[in-house]
Amino acid sequence: NRSDNRLCNLRKITNACNTQNRHDSNRSSIFPGVSKHGKKYASSCSVNGKSKYLGRYNTELEAYHAYVTYLRSVGSTVNTEVEAYKIYTNWLDEQKQSSLL
């Protein structure tokens, strides 16, 4: 329940993860680190105050995959409790299944 903010209901989380939870209504994507540029999606992130451009991709999920992969490669935390991450893991499972065919 979002309205129950007692300490026993809160979880410890890093500032970086908490920022991933924020949803800006002006964002062009539901995925953190992804924004629409023309017909493609750009992926970027900020680690330790430094911005990193990760490239342009055909789909939001490909761009988010680059974002997640980069954050993990530098040892940063990815918030796995947001809806976007659940969508991503389903997509990743589908990609793995289709590559097995």
PDB file of N, CA and C in Angstrom:
ATOM      1  N   ASN A   1       0.843  -1.179   0.000  1.00  0.00           N
ATOM      2  CA  ASN A   1       0.000   0.000   0.000  1.00  0.00           C
ATOM      3  C   ASN A   1       0.886   1.239   0.000  1.00  0.00           C
ATOM      4  N   ARG A   2       0.807   2.067  -1.006  1.00  0.00           N
ATOM      5  CA  ARG A   2       1.678   3.233  -1.141  1.00  0.00           C
ATOM      6  C   ARG A   2       1.464   4.287  -0.068  1.00  0.00           C
ATOM      7  N   SER A   3       0.284   4.317   0.531  1.00  0.00           N
ATOM      8  CA  SER A   3       0.013   5.348   1.529  1.00  0.00           C
ATOM      9  C   SER A   3       0.499   4.966   2.919  1.00  0.00           C
ATOM     10  N   ASP A   4       0.960   3.758   3.102  1.00  0.00           N
ATOM     11  CA  ASP A   4       1.443   3.296   4.403  1.00  0.00           C
ATOM     12  C   ASP A   4       2.963   3.422   4.449  1.00  0.00           C
ATOM     13  N   ASN A   5       3.449   4.562   4.931  1.00  0.00           N
ATOM     14  CA  ASN A   5       4.879   4.845   4.926  1.00  0.00           C
ATOM     15  C   ASN A   5       5.551   4.606   6.277  1.00  0.00           C
ATOM     16  N   ARG A   6       5.013   3.682   7.050  1.00  0.00           N
ATOM     17  CA  ARG A   6       5.672   3.358   8.310  1.00  0.00           C
ATOM     18  C   ARG A   6       7.034   2.720   8.007  1.00  0.00           C
ATOM     19  N   LEU A   7       7.976   2.886   8.916  1.00  0.00           N
ATOM     20  CA  LEU A   7       9.328   2.353   8.722  1.00  0.00           C
ATOM     21  C   LEU A   7       9.326   0.862   8.428  1.00  0.00           C
ATOM     22  N   CYS A   8       8.432   0.117   9.053  1.00  0.00           N
ATOM     23  CA  CYS A   8       8.419  -1.330   8.847  1.00  0.00           C
ATOM     24  C   CYS A   8       8.004  -1.694   7.417  1.00  0.00           C
ATOM     25  N   ASN A   9       7.395  -0.765   6.692  1.00  0.00           N
ATOM     26  CA  ASN A   9       6.968  -1.023   5.312  1.00  0.00           C
ATOM     27  C   ASN A   9       7.937  -0.474   4.268  1.00  0.00           C
ATOM     28  N   LEU A  10       8.952   0.247   4.709  1.00  0.00           N
ATOM     29  CA  LEU A  10       9.907   0.837   3.774  1.00  0.00           C
ATOM     30  C   LEU A  10      11.111  -0.090   3.600  1.00  0.00           C
ATOM     31  N   ARG A  11      11.774   0.041   2.466  1.00  0.00           N
ATOM     32  CA  ARG A  11      12.963  -0.774   2.213  1.00  0.00           C
ATOM     33  C   ARG A  11      14.162   0.130   2.002  1.00  0.00           C
ATOM     34  N   LYS A  12      15.340  -0.373   2.331  1.00  0.00           N
ATOM     35  CA  LYS A  12      16.564   0.391   2.104  1.00  0.00           C
ATOM     36  C   LYS A  12      16.882   0.329   0.623  1.00  0.00           C
ATOM     37  N   ILE A  13      17.251   1.463   0.070  1.00  0.00           N
ATOM     38  CA  ILE A  13      17.544   1.527  -1.355  1.00  0.00           C
ATOM     39  C   ILE A  13      18.557   2.637  -1.591  1.00  0.00           C
ATOM     40  N   THR A  14      19.410   2.460  -2.582  1.00  0.00           N
ATOM     41  CA  THR A  14      20.394   3.490  -2.891  1.00  0.00           C
ATOM     42  C   THR A  14      19.701   4.660  -3.577  1.00  0.00           C
ATOM     43  N   ASN A  15      20.365   5.803  -3.567  1.00  0.00           N
ATOM     44  CA  ASN A  15      19.824   6.978  -4.236  1.00  0.00           C
ATOM     45  C   ASN A  15      19.657   6.710  -5.732  1.00  0.00           C
ATOM     46  N   ALA A  16      20.591   5.982  -6.323  1.00  0.00           N
ATOM     47  CA  ALA A  16      20.508   5.671  -7.756  1.00  0.00           C
ATOM     48  C   ALA A  16      19.251   4.854  -8.066  1.00  0.00           C
ATOM     49  N   CYS A  17      18.970   3.851  -7.235  1.00  0.00           N
ATOM     50  CA  CYS A  17      17.762   3.048  -7.439  1.00  0.00           C
ATOM     51  C   CYS A  17      16.508   3.877  -7.222  1.00  0.00           C
ATOM     52  N   ASN A  18      16.541   4.741  -6.228  1.00  0.00           N
ATOM     53  CA  ASN A  18      15.377   5.567  -5.953  1.00  0.00           C
ATOM     54  C   ASN A  18      15.093   6.504  -7.124  1.00  0.00           C
ATOM     55  N   THR A  19      16.127   7.004  -7.762  1.00  0.00           N
ATOM     56  CA  THR A  19      15.960   7.864  -8.929  1.00  0.00           C
ATOM     57  C   THR A  19      15.316   7.096 -10.071  1.00  0.00           C
ATOM     58  N   GLN A  20      15.626   5.806 -10.209  1.00  0.00           N
ATOM     59  CA  GLN A  20      15.016   4.998 -11.261  1.00  0.00           C
ATOM     60  C   GLN A  20      13.519   4.836 -11.034  1.00  0.00           C
ATOM     61  N   ASN A  21      13.084   4.950  -9.791  1.00  0.00           N
ATOM     62  CA  ASN A  21      11.664   4.810  -9.489  1.00  0.00           C
ATOM     63  C   ASN A  21      10.848   6.018  -9.917  1.00  0.00           C
ATOM     64  N   ARG A  22      11.489   7.152 -10.068  1.00  0.00           N
ATOM     65  CA  ARG A  22      10.773   8.369 -10.428  1.00  0.00           C
ATOM     66  C   ARG A  22      10.313   8.287 -11.868  1.00  0.00           C
ATOM     67  N   HIS A  23       9.102   8.738 -12.097  1.00  0.00           N
ATOM     68  CA  HIS A  23       8.601   8.762 -13.476  1.00  0.00           C
ATOM     69  C   HIS A  23       8.252  10.195 -13.835  1.00  0.00           C
ATOM     70  N   ASP A  24       9.001  10.744 -14.739  1.00  0.00           N
ATOM     71  CA  ASP A  24       8.768  12.097 -15.227  1.00  0.00           C
ATOM     72  C   ASP A  24       7.730  12.019 -16.340  1.00  0.00           C
ATOM     73  N   SER A  25       6.657  12.764 -16.217  1.00  0.00           N
ATOM     74  CA  SER A  25       5.595  12.692 -17.222  1.00  0.00           C
ATOM     75  C   SER A  25       6.058  13.178 -18.584  1.00  0.00           C
ATOM     76  N   ASN A  26       7.187  13.877 -18.635  1.00  0.00           N
ATOM     77  CA  ASN A  26       7.716  14.350 -19.920  1.00  0.00           C
ATOM     78  C   ASN A  26       8.612  13.328 -20.606  1.00  0.00           C
ATOM     79  N   ARG A  27       8.901  12.225 -19.920  1.00  0.00           N
ATOM     80  CA  ARG A  27       9.769  11.208 -20.531  1.00  0.00           C
ATOM     81  C   ARG A  27       9.071  10.576 -21.716  1.00  0.00           C
ATOM     82  N   SER A  28       9.844  10.221 -22.721  1.00  0.00           N
ATOM     83  CA  SER A  28       9.277   9.603 -23.915  1.00  0.00           C
ATOM     84  C   SER A  28       9.288   8.085 -23.842  1.00  0.00           C
ATOM     85  N   SER A  29       9.722   7.525 -22.718  1.00  0.00           N
ATOM     86  CA  SER A  29       9.776   6.074 -22.552  1.00  0.00           C
ATOM     87  C   SER A  29       9.500   5.711 -21.102  1.00  0.00           C
ATOM     88  N   ILE A  30       8.926   4.539 -20.887  1.00  0.00           N
ATOM     89  CA  ILE A  30       8.726   4.074 -19.509  1.00  0.00           C
ATOM     90  C   ILE A  30      10.016   3.480 -18.939  1.00  0.00           C
ATOM     91  N   PHE A  31      11.010   3.268 -19.792  1.00  0.00           N
ATOM     92  CA  PHE A  31      12.259   2.640 -19.366  1.00  0.00           C
ATOM     93  C   PHE A  31      13.274   3.686 -18.927  1.00  0.00           C
ATOM     94  N   PRO A  32      13.843   3.534 -17.728  1.00  0.00           N
ATOM     95  CA  PRO A  32      14.885   4.464 -17.282  1.00  0.00           C
ATOM     96  C   PRO A  32      16.060   4.450 -18.253  1.00  0.00           C
ATOM     97  N   GLY A  33      16.619   5.613 -18.517  1.00  0.00           N
ATOM     98  CA  GLY A  33      17.784   5.707 -19.379  1.00  0.00           C
ATOM     99  C   GLY A  33      17.480   5.673 -20.855  1.00  0.00           C
ATOM    100  N   VAL A  34      16.200   5.650 -21.234  1.00  0.00           N
ATOM    101  CA  VAL A  34      15.810   5.548 -22.642  1.00  0.00           C
ATOM    102  C   VAL A  34      14.962   6.753 -23.024  1.00  0.00           C
ATOM    103  N   SER A  35      15.264   7.339 -24.173  1.00  0.00           N
ATOM    104  CA  SER A  35      14.446   8.433 -24.689  1.00  0.00           C
ATOM    105  C   SER A  35      14.318   8.287 -26.200  1.00  0.00           C
ATOM    106  N   LYS A  36      13.206   8.779 -26.727  1.00  0.00           N
ATOM    107  CA  LYS A  36      12.949   8.652 -28.159  1.00  0.00           C
ATOM    108  C   LYS A  36      13.601   9.814 -28.902  1.00  0.00           C
ATOM    109  N   HIS A  37      14.283   9.471 -29.984  1.00  0.00           N
ATOM    110  CA  HIS A  37      14.913  10.462 -30.850  1.00  0.00           C
ATOM    111  C   HIS A  37      14.546  10.114 -32.277  1.00  0.00           C
ATOM    112  N   GLY A  38      13.562  10.818 -32.814  1.00  0.00           N
ATOM    113  CA  GLY A  38      13.080  10.496 -34.154  1.00  0.00           C
ATOM    114  C   GLY A  38      12.415   9.136 -34.143  1.00  0.00           C
ATOM    115  N   LYS A  39      12.875   8.245 -35.004  1.00  0.00           N
ATOM    116  CA  LYS A  39      12.309   6.894 -35.068  1.00  0.00           C
ATOM    117  C   LYS A  39      13.076   5.895 -34.218  1.00  0.00           C
ATOM    118  N   LYS A  40      14.150   6.347 -33.580  1.00  0.00           N
ATOM    119  CA  LYS A  40      14.987   5.447 -32.783  1.00  0.00           C
ATOM    120  C   LYS A  40      14.955   5.846 -31.314  1.00  0.00           C
ATOM    121  N   TYR A  41      15.561   5.003 -30.495  1.00  0.00           N
ATOM    122  CA  TYR A  41      15.607   5.223 -29.051  1.00  0.00           C
ATOM    123  C   TYR A  41      17.061   5.329 -28.607  1.00  0.00           C
ATOM    124  N   ALA A  42      17.365   6.375 -27.858  1.00  0.00           N
ATOM    125  CA  ALA A  42      18.710   6.583 -27.340  1.00  0.00           C
ATOM    126  C   ALA A  42      18.793   6.038 -25.923  1.00  0.00           C
ATOM    127  N   SER A  43      19.948   5.520 -25.589  1.00  0.00           N
ATOM    128  CA  SER A  43      20.185   4.987 -24.251  1.00  0.00           C
ATOM    129  C   SER A  43      21.357   5.745 -23.637  1.00  0.00           C
ATOM    130  N   SER A  44      21.171   6.195 -22.400  1.00  0.00           N
ATOM    131  CA  SER A  44      22.237   6.889 -21.686  1.00  0.00           C
ATOM    132  C   SER A  44      22.022   6.706 -20.193  1.00  0.00           C
ATOM    133  N   CYS A  45      23.067   6.942 -19.435  1.00  0.00           N
ATOM    134  CA  CYS A  45      22.936   6.840 -17.982  1.00  0.00           C
ATOM    135  C   CYS A  45      23.975   7.734 -17.325  1.00  0.00           C
ATOM    136  N   SER A  46      23.860   7.853 -16.039  1.00  0.00           N
ATOM    137  CA  SER A  46      24.795   8.640 -15.254  1.00  0.00           C
ATOM    138  C   SER A  46      25.287   7.772 -14.103  1.00  0.00           C
ATOM    139  N   VAL A  47      26.591   7.621 -14.006  1.00  0.00           N
ATOM    140  CA  VAL A  47      27.196   6.837 -12.931  1.00  0.00           C
ATOM    141  C   VAL A  47      28.244   7.708 -12.254  1.00  0.00           C
ATOM    142  N   ASN A  48      28.133   7.828 -10.955  1.00  0.00           N
ATOM    143  CA  ASN A  48      29.048   8.658 -10.165  1.00  0.00           C
ATOM    144  C   ASN A  48      29.133  10.082 -10.707  1.00  0.00           C
ATOM    145  N   GLY A  49      28.001  10.614 -11.144  1.00  0.00           N
ATOM    146  CA  GLY A  49      27.939  11.992 -11.627  1.00  0.00           C
ATOM    147  C   GLY A  49      28.434  12.200 -13.044  1.00  0.00           C
ATOM    148  N   LYS A  50      28.823  11.124 -13.732  1.00  0.00           N
ATOM    149  CA  LYS A  50      29.315  11.251 -15.103  1.00  0.00           C
ATOM    150  C   LYS A  50      28.310  10.623 -16.065  1.00  0.00           C
ATOM    151  N   SER A  51      27.940  11.389 -17.088  1.00  0.00           N
ATOM    152  CA  SER A  51      26.986  10.893 -18.080  1.00  0.00           C
ATOM    153  C   SER A  51      27.690  10.020 -19.103  1.00  0.00           C
ATOM    154  N   LYS A  52      26.984   8.992 -19.554  1.00  0.00           N
ATOM    155  CA  LYS A  52      27.524   8.066 -20.543  1.00  0.00           C
ATOM    156  C   LYS A  52      26.455   7.812 -21.600  1.00  0.00           C
ATOM    157  N   TYR A  53      26.754   8.142 -22.850  1.00  0.00           N
ATOM    158  CA  TYR A  53      25.859   7.872 -23.968  1.00  0.00           C
ATOM    159  C   TYR A  53      26.126   6.440 -24.433  1.00  0.00           C
ATOM    160  N   LEU A  54      25.061   5.645 -24.558  1.00  0.00           N
ATOM    161  CA  LEU A  54      25.217   4.227 -24.870  1.00  0.00           C
ATOM    162  C   LEU A  54      24.816   3.861 -26.294  1.00  0.00           C
ATOM    163  N   GLY A  55      24.258   4.799 -27.034  1.00  0.00           N
ATOM    164  CA  GLY A  55      23.936   4.534 -28.429  1.00  0.00           C
ATOM    165  C   GLY A  55      22.465   4.697 -28.744  1.00  0.00           C
ATOM    166  N   ARG A  56      22.139   4.490 -30.049  1.00  0.00           N
ATOM    167  CA  ARG A  56      20.759   4.556 -30.532  1.00  0.00           C
ATOM    168  C   ARG A  56      20.339   3.172 -30.991  1.00  0.00           C
ATOM    169  N   TYR A  57      19.072   2.842 -30.731  1.00  0.00           N
ATOM    170  CA  TYR A  57      18.559   1.501 -30.993  1.00  0.00           C
ATOM    171  C   TYR A  57      17.191   1.574 -31.661  1.00  0.00           C
ATOM    172  N   ASN A  58      16.824   0.497 -32.341  1.00  0.00           N
ATOM    173  CA  ASN A  58      15.546   0.455 -33.047  1.00  0.00           C
ATOM    174  C   ASN A  58      14.348   0.369 -32.119  1.00  0.00           C
ATOM    175  N   THR A  59      14.512  -0.274 -30.965  1.00  0.00           N
ATOM    176  CA  THR A  59      13.388  -0.438 -30.036  1.00  0.00           C
ATOM    177  C   THR A  59      13.767   0.050 -28.643  1.00  0.00           C
ATOM    178  N   GLU A  60      12.739   0.345 -27.845  1.00  0.00           N
ATOM    179  CA  GLU A  60      12.950   0.751 -26.462  1.00  0.00           C
ATOM    180  C   GLU A  60      13.647  -0.345 -25.668  1.00  0.00           C
ATOM    181  N   LEU A  61      13.248  -1.580 -25.916  1.00  0.00           N
ATOM    182  CA  LEU A  61      13.819  -2.688 -25.147  1.00  0.00           C
ATOM    183  C   LEU A  61      15.286  -2.922 -25.474  1.00  0.00           C
ATOM    184  N   GLU A  62      15.670  -2.735 -26.726  1.00  0.00           N
ATOM    185  CA  GLU A  62      17.092  -2.851 -27.071  1.00  0.00           C
ATOM    186  C   GLU A  62      17.894  -1.754 -26.373  1.00  0.00           C
ATOM    187  N   ALA A  63      17.335  -0.555 -26.326  1.00  0.00           N
ATOM    188  CA  ALA A  63      18.005   0.562 -25.657  1.00  0.00           C
ATOM    189  C   ALA A  63      18.102   0.311 -24.151  1.00  0.00           C
ATOM    190  N   TYR A  64      17.044  -0.209 -23.570  1.00  0.00           N
ATOM    191  CA  TYR A  64      17.053  -0.510 -22.137  1.00  0.00           C
ATOM    192  C   TYR A  64      18.028  -1.651 -21.832  1.00  0.00           C
ATOM    193  N   HIS A  65      18.132  -2.595 -22.745  1.00  0.00           N
ATOM    194  CA  HIS A  65      19.100  -3.691 -22.578  1.00  0.00           C
ATOM    195  C   HIS A  65      20.524  -3.120 -22.500  1.00  0.00           C
ATOM    196  N   ALA A  66      20.825  -2.154 -23.341  1.00  0.00           N
ATOM    197  CA  ALA A  66      22.146  -1.515 -23.298  1.00  0.00           C
ATOM    198  C   ALA A  66      22.358  -0.823 -21.950  1.00  0.00           C
ATOM    199  N   TYR A  67      21.317  -0.171 -21.463  1.00  0.00           N
ATOM    200  CA  TYR A  67      21.359   0.537 -20.176  1.00  0.00           C
ATOM    201  C   TYR A  67      21.637  -0.441 -19.034  1.00  0.00           C
ATOM    202  N   VAL A  68      20.869  -1.508 -18.966  1.00  0.00           N
ATOM    203  CA  VAL A  68      21.028  -2.506 -17.898  1.00  0.00           C
ATOM    204  C   VAL A  68      22.405  -3.164 -17.985  1.00  0.00           C
ATOM    205  N   THR A  69      22.804  -3.542 -19.188  1.00  0.00           N
ATOM    206  CA  THR A  69      24.100  -4.200 -19.384  1.00  0.00           C
ATOM    207  C   THR A  69      25.249  -3.296 -18.945  1.00  0.00           C
ATOM    208  N   TYR A  70      25.177  -2.016 -19.303  1.00  0.00           N
ATOM    209  CA  TYR A  70      26.242  -1.091 -18.918  1.00  0.00           C
ATOM    210  C   TYR A  70      26.286  -0.912 -17.400  1.00  0.00           C
ATOM    211  N   LEU A  71      25.128  -0.667 -16.780  1.00  0.00           N
ATOM    212  CA  LEU A  71      25.122  -0.471 -15.326  1.00  0.00           C
ATOM    213  C   LEU A  71      25.710  -1.679 -14.605  1.00  0.00           C
ATOM    214  N   ARG A  72      25.360  -2.857 -15.062  1.00  0.00           N
ATOM    215  CA  ARG A  72      25.913  -4.068 -14.425  1.00  0.00           C
ATOM    216  C   ARG A  72      27.410  -4.186 -14.667  1.00  0.00           C
ATOM    217  N   SER A  73      27.871  -3.773 -15.838  1.00  0.00           N
ATOM    218  CA  SER A  73      29.294  -3.901 -16.170  1.00  0.00           C
ATOM    219  C   SER A  73      30.170  -2.998 -15.306  1.00  0.00           C
ATOM    220  N   VAL A  74      29.603  -1.891 -14.822  1.00  0.00           N
ATOM    221  CA  VAL A  74      30.379  -0.986 -13.970  1.00  0.00           C
ATOM    222  C   VAL A  74      30.071  -1.206 -12.489  1.00  0.00           C
ATOM    223  N   GLY A  75      29.300  -2.253 -12.192  1.00  0.00           N
ATOM    224  CA  GLY A  75      29.008  -2.596 -10.807  1.00  0.00           C
ATOM    225  C   GLY A  75      27.937  -1.745 -10.160  1.00  0.00           C
ATOM    226  N   SER A  76      27.154  -1.043 -10.964  1.00  0.00           N
ATOM    227  CA  SER A  76      26.076  -0.223 -10.431  1.00  0.00           C
ATOM    228  C   SER A  76      24.812  -1.068 -10.263  1.00  0.00           C
ATOM    229  N   THR A  77      23.914  -0.625  -9.422  1.00  0.00           N
ATOM    230  CA  THR A  77      22.696  -1.358  -9.124  1.00  0.00           C
ATOM    231  C   THR A  77      21.605  -1.030 -10.127  1.00  0.00           C
ATOM    232  N   VAL A  78      20.881  -2.043 -10.557  1.00  0.00           N
ATOM    233  CA  VAL A  78      19.716  -1.870 -11.424  1.00  0.00           C
ATOM    234  C   VAL A  78      18.485  -2.164 -10.579  1.00  0.00           C
ATOM    235  N   ASN A  79      17.528  -1.263 -10.606  1.00  0.00           N
ATOM    236  CA  ASN A  79      16.311  -1.464  -9.825  1.00  0.00           C
ATOM    237  C   ASN A  79      15.453  -2.515 -10.510  1.00  0.00           C
ATOM    238  N   THR A  80      15.353  -3.668  -9.904  1.00  0.00           N
ATOM    239  CA  THR A  80      14.610  -4.786 -10.489  1.00  0.00           C
ATOM    240  C   THR A  80      13.149  -4.807 -10.059  1.00  0.00           C
ATOM    241  N   GLU A  81      12.742  -3.825  -9.272  1.00  0.00           N
ATOM    242  CA  GLU A  81      11.371  -3.823  -8.759  1.00  0.00           C
ATOM    243  C   GLU A  81      10.435  -2.898  -9.522  1.00  0.00           C
ATOM    244  N   VAL A  82      10.906  -2.253 -10.571  1.00  0.00           N
ATOM    245  CA  VAL A  82      10.039  -1.382 -11.377  1.00  0.00           C
ATOM    246  C   VAL A  82       9.384  -2.208 -12.477  1.00  0.00           C
ATOM    247  N   GLU A  83       8.237  -1.759 -12.936  1.00  0.00           N
ATOM    248  CA  GLU A  83       7.488  -2.467 -13.984  1.00  0.00           C
ATOM    249  C   GLU A  83       8.319  -2.612 -15.260  1.00  0.00           C
ATOM    250  N   ALA A  84       9.103  -1.594 -15.589  1.00  0.00           N
ATOM    251  CA  ALA A  84       9.927  -1.640 -16.800  1.00  0.00           C
ATOM    252  C   ALA A  84      10.876  -2.835 -16.779  1.00  0.00           C
ATOM    253  N   TYR A  85      11.432  -3.155 -15.609  1.00  0.00           N
ATOM    254  CA  TYR A  85      12.362  -4.277 -15.517  1.00  0.00           C
ATOM    255  C   TYR A  85      11.642  -5.605 -15.729  1.00  0.00           C
ATOM    256  N   LYS A  86      10.417  -5.707 -15.256  1.00  0.00           N
ATOM    257  CA  LYS A  86       9.639  -6.932 -15.468  1.00  0.00           C
ATOM    258  C   LYS A  86       9.342  -7.131 -16.955  1.00  0.00           C
ATOM    259  N   ILE A  87       8.997  -6.054 -17.631  1.00  0.00           N
ATOM    260  CA  ILE A  87       8.768  -6.115 -19.075  1.00  0.00           C
ATOM    261  C   ILE A  87      10.056  -6.544 -19.778  1.00  0.00           C
ATOM    262  N   TYR A  88      11.169  -5.971 -19.330  1.00  0.00           N
ATOM    263  CA  TYR A  88      12.479  -6.283 -19.913  1.00  0.00           C
ATOM    264  C   TYR A  88      12.839  -7.761 -19.746  1.00  0.00           C
ATOM    265  N   THR A  89      12.629  -8.314 -18.550  1.00  0.00           N
ATOM    266  CA  THR A  89      13.000  -9.717 -18.342  1.00  0.00           C
ATOM    267  C   THR A  89      12.136 -10.650 -19.198  1.00  0.00           C
ATOM    268  N   ASN A  90      10.869 -10.306 -19.374  1.00  0.00           N
ATOM    269  CA  ASN A  90      10.013 -11.101 -20.274  1.00  0.00           C
ATOM    270  C   ASN A  90      10.537 -11.043 -21.705  1.00  0.00           C
ATOM    271  N   TRP A  91      10.914  -9.848 -22.144  1.00  0.00           N
ATOM    272  CA  TRP A  91      11.467  -9.662 -23.497  1.00  0.00           C
ATOM    273  C   TRP A  91      12.773 -10.459 -23.642  1.00  0.00           C
ATOM    274  N   LEU A  92      13.615 -10.393 -22.615  1.00  0.00           N
ATOM    275  CA  LEU A  92      14.898 -11.102 -22.653  1.00  0.00           C
ATOM    276  C   LEU A  92      14.680 -12.605 -22.756  1.00  0.00           C
ATOM    277  N   ASP A  93      13.705 -13.134 -22.017  1.00  0.00           N
ATOM    278  CA  ASP A  93      13.382 -14.559 -22.100  1.00  0.00           C
ATOM    279  C   ASP A  93      12.924 -14.928 -23.506  1.00  0.00           C
ATOM    280  N   GLU A  94      12.112 -14.060 -24.119  1.00  0.00           N
ATOM    281  CA  GLU A  94      11.642 -14.315 -25.489  1.00  0.00           C
ATOM    282  C   GLU A  94      12.815 -14.313 -26.464  1.00  0.00           C
ATOM    283  N   GLN A  95      13.761 -13.398 -26.267  1.00  0.00           N
ATOM    284  CA  GLN A  95      14.947 -13.322 -27.132  1.00  0.00           C
ATOM    285  C   GLN A  95      15.774 -14.596 -27.017  1.00  0.00           C
ATOM    286  N   LYS A  96      15.925 -15.082 -25.804  1.00  0.00           N
ATOM    287  CA  LYS A  96      16.704 -16.316 -25.583  1.00  0.00           C
ATOM    288  C   LYS A  96      16.002 -17.506 -26.225  1.00  0.00           C
ATOM    289  N   GLN A  97      14.672 -17.569 -26.092  1.00  0.00           N
ATOM    290  CA  GLN A  97      13.908 -18.665 -26.696  1.00  0.00           C
ATOM    291  C   GLN A  97      13.990 -18.634 -28.216  1.00  0.00           C
ATOM    292  N   SER A  98      13.886 -17.452 -28.803  1.00  0.00           N
ATOM    293  CA  SER A  98      13.907 -17.364 -30.269  1.00  0.00           C
ATOM    294  C   SER A  98      15.299 -17.689 -30.823  1.00  0.00           C
ATOM    295  N   SER A  99      16.344 -17.434 -30.021  1.00  0.00           N
ATOM    296  CA  SER A  99      17.695 -17.762 -30.506  1.00  0.00           C
ATOM    297  C   SER A  99      17.978 -19.263 -30.418  1.00  0.00           C
ATOM    298  N   LEU A 100      17.160 -19.985 -29.650  1.00  0.00           N
ATOM    299  CA  LEU A 100      17.326 -21.431 -29.538  1.00  0.00           C
ATOM    300  C   LEU A 100      16.695 -22.171 -30.714  1.00  0.00           C
ATOM    301  N   LEU A 101      15.783 -21.511 -31.436  1.00  0.00           N
ATOM    302  CA  LEU A 101      15.098 -22.171 -32.547  1.00  0.00           C
ATOM    303  C   LEU A 101      15.991 -22.334 -33.749  1.00  0.00           C
TER     304      LEU A 101
END
